[in-house]
Each structure stands twice: as C-alpha cells, then as structure tokens.
Amino acid sequence: MVDYKDFEAIFVKENRRFKTALVLCLFICSITCLSVITSKTYFIYNNGKIFEERLLAEDVCKASFESLASGTPNSSLISKDIIELVEKEPFYIKLDNILRISSLENGACKIIIKSEAKLLAFKIGLAENSSFPFHYKLIQLDELPIKEEVI
C-alpha cells in the first residue's frame, strides 16, 4: 500500500507533466492561430454602389434588348439614333430565351440569347447619364460572331 506522502509526490509530479503539456499545446495553438490570422488579408467594402450599378446596367440591357428585339423600341431605354436606325431598317429577333446577361465593363454588357434554336450573342453599349429615366440608355448593339473551328 502507498502511503499519503508518496501518493502526493507522484500526484504533484504527474500534475506538473500535465501542466507542461497543456502549456505546450496552448503555445502551439496560439502560434498556429496567429499565423493563420496574419497570413490572410481581409477586405471590408462599405460602398455597395458599384454592385448596384452593375445590376441596374444588366436590367437596362435586358429591357432595352427585349424592346428592340420585339420591334417596339422604348425611347426611355434606347437612344434616339438607334430608334431612327431601327425605323429605317427594322430589327426583329424572335426571342426564345435569354440565357445570360453579364456586365463587361463600365458602360457595356453582353447578352446571350436563344432564337429559333440558334445561339446568338450581342454586346450592348450603354450611355450613362443621371438625366436618363433609368440612368442608362442603349447606344450601341453589336452581334458577336461565332468563331467556327477548323476540323
């Protein structure tokens, strides 16, 4: 049988080992956490205006293209020059489905549509002015050609 003094000595000795192991683990964990926190760069962006403008530009692209493709251009969304051009040379596309609208750069977006089982892509140029009813107007429409691969 172990007397109390021997038991206390063994207990204190083991307790020191556990404390040392705990301190070592805490030290390694804090070094790891510190290295993870300092190696990452975090950005906090407070101005969401650019994202709202892109969404607005994409919505204006969609609405202006739909009105132009239907043959009834909306003067609130499309510039006078384009409307006059459409009156001289009618522009009509049967719009089956709009597959994608994306903002390319400031003042331009790209629309991909399906028309009569064909894929078509257009680059739309937009003019930006706060006096416009929807802040943007369609000023340019270019069809993007499909590049054929040589077999």
N, C-alpha and C. Protein backbone atom coordinates (compact mmCIF):
# COMPACT_ATOMS: atom_id res chain seq x y z
N MET A 1 0.82 -1.16 0.00
CA MET A 1 0.00 0.00 0.00
C MET A 1 0.89 1.26 0.00
N VAL A 2 0.45 2.27 -0.74
CA VAL A 2 1.22 3.51 -0.89
C VAL A 2 0.76 4.48 0.19
N ASP A 3 1.74 5.03 0.89
CA ASP A 3 1.34 6.00 1.91
C ASP A 3 1.03 7.35 1.27
N TYR A 4 0.47 8.23 2.06
CA TYR A 4 -0.05 9.51 1.56
C TYR A 4 1.06 10.39 1.00
N LYS A 5 2.20 10.44 1.62
CA LYS A 5 3.29 11.30 1.16
C LYS A 5 3.81 10.85 -0.20
N ASP A 6 3.94 9.54 -0.41
CA ASP A 6 4.39 9.03 -1.72
C ASP A 6 3.34 9.32 -2.79
N PHE A 7 2.07 9.12 -2.41
CA PHE A 7 0.98 9.40 -3.37
C PHE A 7 0.96 10.87 -3.76
N GLU A 8 1.14 11.75 -2.79
CA GLU A 8 1.14 13.19 -3.05
C GLU A 8 2.31 13.56 -3.96
N ALA A 9 3.47 12.99 -3.73
CA ALA A 9 4.65 13.27 -4.55
C ALA A 9 4.43 12.81 -5.99
N ILE A 10 3.87 11.62 -6.17
CA ILE A 10 3.58 11.11 -7.52
C ILE A 10 2.53 12.00 -8.20
N PHE A 11 1.50 12.40 -7.43
CA PHE A 11 0.42 13.22 -7.98
C PHE A 11 0.95 14.59 -8.43
N VAL A 12 1.78 15.22 -7.61
CA VAL A 12 2.35 16.52 -7.95
C VAL A 12 3.25 16.40 -9.17
N LYS A 13 4.04 15.33 -9.24
CA LYS A 13 4.93 15.11 -10.38
C LYS A 13 4.13 14.94 -11.68
N GLU A 14 3.08 14.11 -11.63
CA GLU A 14 2.23 13.90 -12.81
C GLU A 14 1.49 15.18 -13.17
N ASN A 15 1.06 15.91 -12.15
CA ASN A 15 0.34 17.16 -12.38
C ASN A 15 1.24 18.17 -13.11
N ARG A 16 2.51 18.23 -12.76
CA ARG A 16 3.45 19.12 -13.44
C ARG A 16 3.61 18.72 -14.91
N ARG A 17 3.67 17.43 -15.18
CA ARG A 17 3.77 16.96 -16.57
C ARG A 17 2.55 17.39 -17.38
N PHE A 18 1.36 17.24 -16.79
CA PHE A 18 0.14 17.65 -17.49
C PHE A 18 0.09 19.16 -17.72
N LYS A 19 0.53 19.92 -16.71
CA LYS A 19 0.57 21.38 -16.87
C LYS A 19 1.55 21.77 -17.97
N THR A 20 2.71 21.12 -18.01
CA THR A 20 3.69 21.40 -19.06
C THR A 20 3.13 21.05 -20.44
N ALA A 21 2.45 19.91 -20.54
CA ALA A 21 1.85 19.51 -21.81
C ALA A 21 0.75 20.50 -22.22
N LEU A 22 -0.05 20.96 -21.25
CA LEU A 22 -1.11 21.93 -21.54
C LEU A 22 -0.53 23.25 -22.02
N VAL A 23 0.50 23.74 -21.35
CA VAL A 23 1.14 25.00 -21.75
C VAL A 23 1.73 24.86 -23.15
N LEU A 24 2.36 23.73 -23.42
CA LEU A 24 2.95 23.49 -24.74
C LEU A 24 1.86 23.47 -25.82
N CYS A 25 0.75 22.80 -25.56
CA CYS A 25 -0.37 22.75 -26.53
C CYS A 25 -0.96 24.14 -26.75
N LEU A 26 -1.16 24.90 -25.68
CA LEU A 26 -1.68 26.26 -25.82
C LEU A 26 -0.73 27.15 -26.61
N PHE A 27 0.56 27.00 -26.37
CA PHE A 27 1.56 27.77 -27.10
C PHE A 27 1.51 27.44 -28.60
N ILE A 28 1.47 26.16 -28.94
CA ILE A 28 1.42 25.74 -30.35
C ILE A 28 0.12 26.21 -31.00
N CYS A 29 -1.00 26.08 -30.30
CA CYS A 29 -2.29 26.53 -30.85
C CYS A 29 -2.30 28.03 -31.08
N SER A 30 -1.77 28.80 -30.13
CA SER A 30 -1.77 30.25 -30.31
C SER A 30 -0.83 30.68 -31.43
N ILE A 31 0.30 30.02 -31.60
CA ILE A 31 1.20 30.31 -32.72
C ILE A 31 0.49 29.99 -34.04
N THR A 32 -0.20 28.87 -34.10
CA THR A 32 -0.92 28.48 -35.31
C THR A 32 -2.03 29.48 -35.63
N CYS A 33 -2.82 29.84 -34.65
CA CYS A 33 -3.90 30.82 -34.86
C CYS A 33 -3.34 32.16 -35.31
N LEU A 34 -2.28 32.60 -34.68
CA LEU A 34 -1.67 33.87 -35.04
C LEU A 34 -1.15 33.84 -36.48
N SER A 35 -0.54 32.74 -36.88
CA SER A 35 -0.03 32.66 -38.25
C SER A 35 -1.17 32.62 -39.27
N VAL A 36 -2.27 31.97 -38.94
CA VAL A 36 -3.42 31.94 -39.85
C VAL A 36 -4.04 33.32 -39.97
N ILE A 37 -4.20 34.00 -38.86
CA ILE A 37 -4.82 35.33 -38.87
C ILE A 37 -3.96 36.33 -39.62
N THR A 38 -2.66 36.30 -39.42
CA THR A 38 -1.79 37.28 -40.07
C THR A 38 -1.52 36.95 -41.53
N SER A 39 -1.70 35.71 -41.95
CA SER A 39 -1.41 35.36 -43.34
C SER A 39 -2.57 35.72 -44.26
N LYS A 40 -3.75 35.90 -43.75
CA LYS A 40 -4.91 36.24 -44.57
C LYS A 40 -5.09 37.74 -44.61
N THR A 41 -5.58 38.23 -45.75
CA THR A 41 -5.90 39.64 -45.88
C THR A 41 -7.41 39.75 -46.05
N TYR A 42 -8.00 40.51 -45.20
CA TYR A 42 -9.44 40.68 -45.23
C TYR A 42 -9.78 42.09 -45.70
N PHE A 43 -10.77 42.18 -46.58
CA PHE A 43 -11.23 43.47 -47.06
C PHE A 43 -12.66 43.68 -46.62
N ILE A 44 -12.92 44.82 -46.10
CA ILE A 44 -14.29 45.19 -45.76
C ILE A 44 -14.66 46.32 -46.69
N TYR A 45 -15.64 46.08 -47.55
CA TYR A 45 -16.04 47.06 -48.55
C TYR A 45 -17.37 47.66 -48.14
N ASN A 46 -17.36 48.93 -47.83
CA ASN A 46 -18.56 49.58 -47.33
C ASN A 46 -19.43 50.18 -48.42
N ASN A 47 -18.89 50.37 -49.61
CA ASN A 47 -19.64 51.05 -50.66
C ASN A 47 -20.17 50.03 -51.65
N GLY A 48 -21.43 49.70 -51.57
CA GLY A 48 -22.04 48.73 -52.47
C GLY A 48 -22.57 49.36 -53.74
N LYS A 49 -22.27 50.64 -53.96
CA LYS A 49 -22.81 51.36 -55.11
C LYS A 49 -22.42 50.71 -56.43
N ILE A 50 -21.17 50.26 -56.54
CA ILE A 50 -20.71 49.68 -57.81
C ILE A 50 -21.50 48.42 -58.15
N PHE A 51 -21.86 47.64 -57.13
CA PHE A 51 -22.61 46.42 -57.39
C PHE A 51 -24.04 46.74 -57.81
N GLU A 52 -24.65 47.76 -57.20
CA GLU A 52 -26.00 48.16 -57.57
C GLU A 52 -26.01 48.69 -59.00
N GLU A 53 -24.98 49.46 -59.39
CA GLU A 53 -24.92 49.99 -60.74
C GLU A 53 -24.81 48.88 -61.77
N ARG A 54 -24.04 47.86 -61.48
CA ARG A 54 -23.92 46.73 -62.41
C ARG A 54 -25.25 46.02 -62.57
N LEU A 55 -25.96 45.83 -61.48
CA LEU A 55 -27.27 45.20 -61.57
C LEU A 55 -28.22 46.07 -62.37
N LEU A 56 -28.18 47.37 -62.15
CA LEU A 56 -29.03 48.28 -62.91
C LEU A 56 -28.67 48.24 -64.39
N ALA A 57 -27.39 48.24 -64.70
CA ALA A 57 -26.95 48.18 -66.10
C ALA A 57 -27.43 46.89 -66.75
N GLU A 58 -27.35 45.77 -66.04
CA GLU A 58 -27.81 44.50 -66.60
C GLU A 58 -29.32 44.50 -66.83
N ASP A 59 -30.07 45.10 -65.90
CA ASP A 59 -31.52 45.18 -66.08
C ASP A 59 -31.89 46.07 -67.27
N VAL A 60 -31.18 47.18 -67.42
CA VAL A 60 -31.44 48.06 -68.56
C VAL A 60 -31.05 47.36 -69.86
N CYS A 61 -29.96 46.60 -69.85
CA CYS A 61 -29.56 45.82 -71.04
C CYS A 61 -30.67 44.87 -71.44
N LYS A 62 -31.19 44.15 -70.48
CA LYS A 62 -32.24 43.17 -70.76
C LYS A 62 -33.50 43.85 -71.29
N ALA A 63 -33.96 44.88 -70.60
CA ALA A 63 -35.20 45.54 -71.01
C ALA A 63 -35.06 46.23 -72.36
N SER A 64 -33.92 46.88 -72.60
CA SER A 64 -33.73 47.56 -73.88
C SER A 64 -33.60 46.56 -75.02
N PHE A 65 -32.91 45.45 -74.79
CA PHE A 65 -32.79 44.44 -75.85
C PHE A 65 -34.13 43.80 -76.15
N GLU A 66 -34.91 43.50 -75.12
CA GLU A 66 -36.23 42.91 -75.34
C GLU A 66 -37.13 43.86 -76.14
N SER A 67 -37.10 45.15 -75.81
CA SER A 67 -37.95 46.10 -76.54
C SER A 67 -37.46 46.27 -77.98
N LEU A 68 -36.15 46.23 -78.17
CA LEU A 68 -35.59 46.34 -79.52
C LEU A 68 -35.89 45.09 -80.34
N ALA A 69 -35.76 43.92 -79.74
CA ALA A 69 -36.00 42.66 -80.45
C ALA A 69 -37.47 42.47 -80.80
N SER A 70 -38.36 43.03 -80.00
CA SER A 70 -39.79 42.88 -80.28
C SER A 70 -40.25 43.82 -81.39
N GLY A 71 -39.42 44.77 -81.78
CA GLY A 71 -39.79 45.69 -82.85
C GLY A 71 -40.42 46.97 -82.34
N THR A 72 -40.54 47.12 -81.05
CA THR A 72 -41.11 48.35 -80.46
C THR A 72 -40.09 48.96 -79.50
N PRO A 73 -39.10 49.69 -80.02
CA PRO A 73 -38.06 50.24 -79.15
C PRO A 73 -38.62 51.29 -78.17
N ASN A 74 -38.21 51.19 -76.95
CA ASN A 74 -38.65 52.09 -75.89
C ASN A 74 -37.70 53.27 -75.82
N SER A 75 -38.21 54.48 -75.99
CA SER A 75 -37.36 55.67 -76.01
C SER A 75 -36.76 55.99 -74.64
N SER A 76 -37.29 55.43 -73.59
CA SER A 76 -36.71 55.64 -72.26
C SER A 76 -35.46 54.80 -72.07
N LEU A 77 -35.33 53.74 -72.86
CA LEU A 77 -34.21 52.81 -72.70
C LEU A 77 -33.22 52.85 -73.86
N ILE A 78 -33.65 53.38 -75.01
CA ILE A 78 -32.83 53.32 -76.23
C ILE A 78 -32.64 54.74 -76.76
N SER A 79 -31.43 55.04 -77.24
CA SER A 79 -31.13 56.38 -77.73
C SER A 79 -31.89 56.68 -79.02
N LYS A 80 -32.04 57.97 -79.30
CA LYS A 80 -32.78 58.41 -80.49
C LYS A 80 -32.11 57.91 -81.77
N ASP A 81 -30.78 57.91 -81.81
CA ASP A 81 -30.06 57.46 -83.01
C ASP A 81 -30.39 56.00 -83.34
N ILE A 82 -30.43 55.15 -82.34
CA ILE A 82 -30.75 53.74 -82.57
C ILE A 82 -32.21 53.60 -83.00
N ILE A 83 -33.09 54.36 -82.40
CA ILE A 83 -34.52 54.29 -82.77
C ILE A 83 -34.70 54.72 -84.22
N GLU A 84 -34.02 55.79 -84.63
CA GLU A 84 -34.10 56.25 -86.03
C GLU A 84 -33.55 55.18 -86.97
N LEU A 85 -32.46 54.55 -86.60
CA LEU A 85 -31.87 53.49 -87.42
C LEU A 85 -32.82 52.31 -87.55
N VAL A 86 -33.49 51.95 -86.47
CA VAL A 86 -34.44 50.83 -86.49
C VAL A 86 -35.67 51.18 -87.33
N GLU A 87 -36.06 52.45 -87.33
CA GLU A 87 -37.19 52.86 -88.18
C GLU A 87 -36.83 52.74 -89.66
N LYS A 88 -35.56 53.03 -90.02
CA LYS A 88 -35.12 52.90 -91.41
C LYS A 88 -34.95 51.43 -91.79
N GLU A 89 -34.25 50.69 -90.96
CA GLU A 89 -34.00 49.27 -91.20
C GLU A 89 -34.53 48.49 -90.00
N PRO A 90 -35.70 47.87 -90.14
CA PRO A 90 -36.30 47.17 -88.99
C PRO A 90 -35.40 46.06 -88.44
N PHE A 91 -35.42 45.94 -87.14
CA PHE A 91 -34.64 44.93 -86.43
C PHE A 91 -35.61 44.09 -85.61
N TYR A 92 -35.68 42.82 -85.95
CA TYR A 92 -36.59 41.94 -85.22
C TYR A 92 -35.91 40.59 -85.02
N ILE A 93 -35.93 40.12 -83.81
CA ILE A 93 -35.41 38.79 -83.48
C ILE A 93 -36.45 38.10 -82.63
N LYS A 94 -36.76 36.86 -83.02
CA LYS A 94 -37.67 36.06 -82.19
C LYS A 94 -36.88 35.59 -80.98
N LEU A 95 -37.27 36.08 -79.84
CA LEU A 95 -36.55 35.82 -78.60
C LEU A 95 -37.16 34.61 -77.90
N ASP A 96 -36.49 33.45 -78.01
CA ASP A 96 -36.98 32.25 -77.33
C ASP A 96 -36.63 32.30 -75.84
N ASN A 97 -35.37 32.62 -75.56
CA ASN A 97 -34.91 32.58 -74.17
C ASN A 97 -33.66 33.44 -74.02
N ILE A 98 -33.58 34.18 -72.93
CA ILE A 98 -32.35 34.90 -72.60
C ILE A 98 -31.55 34.00 -71.67
N LEU A 99 -30.40 33.56 -72.15
CA LEU A 99 -29.61 32.61 -71.38
C LEU A 99 -28.69 33.27 -70.35
N ARG A 100 -28.13 34.43 -70.73
CA ARG A 100 -27.18 35.07 -69.81
C ARG A 100 -27.06 36.55 -70.12
N ILE A 101 -26.97 37.33 -69.07
CA ILE A 101 -26.67 38.75 -69.18
C ILE A 101 -25.53 39.02 -68.21
N SER A 102 -24.47 39.65 -68.72
CA SER A 102 -23.34 39.95 -67.83
C SER A 102 -22.78 41.33 -68.15
N SER A 103 -22.37 42.01 -67.12
CA SER A 103 -21.76 43.32 -67.26
C SER A 103 -20.29 43.13 -67.60
N LEU A 104 -19.84 43.70 -68.71
CA LEU A 104 -18.45 43.51 -69.14
C LEU A 104 -17.53 44.54 -68.50
N GLU A 105 -17.80 45.78 -68.75
CA GLU A 105 -17.03 46.86 -68.17
C GLU A 105 -17.99 48.02 -67.98
N ASN A 106 -17.48 49.13 -67.56
CA ASN A 106 -18.35 50.28 -67.34
C ASN A 106 -18.95 50.72 -68.67
N GLY A 107 -20.26 50.65 -68.78
CA GLY A 107 -20.95 51.10 -69.98
C GLY A 107 -21.12 50.03 -71.04
N ALA A 108 -20.97 48.78 -70.70
CA ALA A 108 -21.17 47.70 -71.68
C ALA A 108 -21.62 46.43 -70.98
N CYS A 109 -22.44 45.68 -71.69
CA CYS A 109 -22.84 44.37 -71.17
C CYS A 109 -22.99 43.41 -72.35
N LYS A 110 -23.07 42.15 -72.02
CA LYS A 110 -23.16 41.10 -73.03
C LYS A 110 -24.41 40.29 -72.74
N ILE A 111 -25.15 39.99 -73.79
CA ILE A 111 -26.37 39.21 -73.64
C ILE A 111 -26.30 38.02 -74.59
N ILE A 112 -26.61 36.85 -74.08
CA ILE A 112 -26.62 35.62 -74.88
C ILE A 112 -28.05 35.12 -74.91
N ILE A 113 -28.56 34.91 -76.12
CA ILE A 113 -29.96 34.50 -76.27
C ILE A 113 -30.06 33.25 -77.12
N LYS A 114 -31.22 32.65 -77.06
CA LYS A 114 -31.56 31.54 -77.94
C LYS A 114 -32.70 32.02 -78.81
N SER A 115 -32.51 31.97 -80.12
CA SER A 115 -33.50 32.43 -81.07
C SER A 115 -33.64 31.40 -82.18
N GLU A 116 -34.81 30.82 -82.26
CA GLU A 116 -35.11 29.81 -83.29
C GLU A 116 -34.04 28.72 -83.30
N ALA A 117 -33.74 28.19 -82.14
CA ALA A 117 -32.80 27.08 -81.92
C ALA A 117 -31.35 27.45 -82.25
N LYS A 118 -31.04 28.74 -82.36
CA LYS A 118 -29.66 29.20 -82.58
C LYS A 118 -29.22 30.03 -81.39
N LEU A 119 -27.96 29.92 -81.07
CA LEU A 119 -27.38 30.77 -80.03
C LEU A 119 -26.84 32.04 -80.66
N LEU A 120 -27.20 33.17 -80.08
CA LEU A 120 -26.71 34.46 -80.54
C LEU A 120 -26.17 35.24 -79.35
N ALA A 121 -25.14 36.03 -79.59
CA ALA A 121 -24.56 36.86 -78.54
C ALA A 121 -24.44 38.29 -79.05
N PHE A 122 -24.74 39.23 -78.18
CA PHE A 122 -24.68 40.64 -78.53
C PHE A 122 -23.93 41.40 -77.44
N LYS A 123 -23.14 42.38 -77.89
CA LYS A 123 -22.52 43.31 -76.95
C LYS A 123 -23.31 44.60 -77.02
N ILE A 124 -23.75 45.07 -75.88
CA ILE A 124 -24.58 46.26 -75.81
C ILE A 124 -23.78 47.38 -75.16
N GLY A 125 -23.71 48.51 -75.86
CA GLY A 125 -23.06 49.69 -75.31
C GLY A 125 -24.09 50.57 -74.65
N LEU A 126 -23.77 51.09 -73.49
CA LEU A 126 -24.70 51.91 -72.72
C LEU A 126 -24.11 53.29 -72.47
N ALA A 127 -24.97 54.29 -72.58
CA ALA A 127 -24.59 55.65 -72.18
C ALA A 127 -25.14 55.88 -70.78
N GLU A 128 -24.34 56.51 -69.96
CA GLU A 128 -24.74 56.74 -68.57
C GLU A 128 -24.95 58.23 -68.34
N ASN A 129 -26.12 58.57 -67.83
CA ASN A 129 -26.42 59.96 -67.53
C ASN A 129 -27.53 59.99 -66.49
N SER A 130 -27.37 60.81 -65.50
CA SER A 130 -28.38 60.86 -64.43
C SER A 130 -29.69 61.47 -64.91
N SER A 131 -29.68 62.14 -66.06
CA SER A 131 -30.93 62.71 -66.58
C SER A 131 -31.78 61.67 -67.32
N PHE A 132 -31.19 60.52 -67.66
CA PHE A 132 -31.98 59.45 -68.29
C PHE A 132 -32.94 58.87 -67.26
N PRO A 133 -34.11 58.44 -67.71
CA PRO A 133 -35.08 57.89 -66.75
C PRO A 133 -34.56 56.69 -65.96
N PHE A 134 -33.75 55.84 -66.59
CA PHE A 134 -33.22 54.66 -65.91
C PHE A 134 -31.70 54.71 -65.78
N HIS A 135 -31.14 55.90 -65.83
CA HIS A 135 -29.71 56.15 -65.65
C HIS A 135 -28.85 55.66 -66.82
N TYR A 136 -29.33 54.72 -67.61
CA TYR A 136 -28.61 54.20 -68.77
C TYR A 136 -29.52 54.19 -69.99
N LYS A 137 -28.90 54.28 -71.17
CA LYS A 137 -29.61 54.09 -72.44
C LYS A 137 -28.73 53.28 -73.37
N LEU A 138 -29.37 52.44 -74.17
CA LEU A 138 -28.66 51.65 -75.17
C LEU A 138 -28.21 52.58 -76.29
N ILE A 139 -26.92 52.59 -76.59
CA ILE A 139 -26.40 53.42 -77.67
C ILE A 139 -25.72 52.61 -78.76
N GLN A 140 -25.47 51.34 -78.49
CA GLN A 140 -24.77 50.50 -79.46
C GLN A 140 -25.17 49.05 -79.27
N LEU A 141 -25.34 48.35 -80.39
CA LEU A 141 -25.67 46.93 -80.34
C LEU A 141 -24.85 46.23 -81.41
N ASP A 142 -23.95 45.37 -80.98
CA ASP A 142 -23.09 44.63 -81.90
C ASP A 142 -23.30 43.14 -81.70
N GLU A 143 -23.55 42.44 -82.81
CA GLU A 143 -23.65 40.98 -82.71
C GLU A 143 -22.24 40.42 -82.67
N LEU A 144 -22.01 39.52 -81.75
CA LEU A 144 -20.70 38.88 -81.62
C LEU A 144 -20.70 37.62 -82.47
N PRO A 145 -19.77 37.52 -83.42
CA PRO A 145 -19.78 36.36 -84.32
C PRO A 145 -19.33 35.09 -83.61
N ILE A 146 -19.85 33.98 -84.08
CA ILE A 146 -19.44 32.68 -83.58
C ILE A 146 -18.23 32.24 -84.39
N LYS A 147 -17.14 31.94 -83.72
CA LYS A 147 -15.93 31.51 -84.42
C LYS A 147 -16.06 30.02 -84.71
N GLU A 148 -15.93 29.69 -85.97
CA GLU A 148 -16.03 28.29 -86.37
C GLU A 148 -14.66 27.64 -86.27
N GLU A 149 -14.64 26.46 -85.71
CA GLU A 149 -13.38 25.73 -85.57
C GLU A 149 -13.08 24.96 -86.84
N VAL A 150 -11.81 24.95 -87.22
CA VAL A 150 -11.38 24.21 -88.39
C VAL A 150 -11.12 22.77 -87.97
N ILE A 151 -11.74 21.84 -88.68
CA ILE A 151 -11.60 20.42 -88.33
C ILE A 151 -10.47 19.80 -89.11
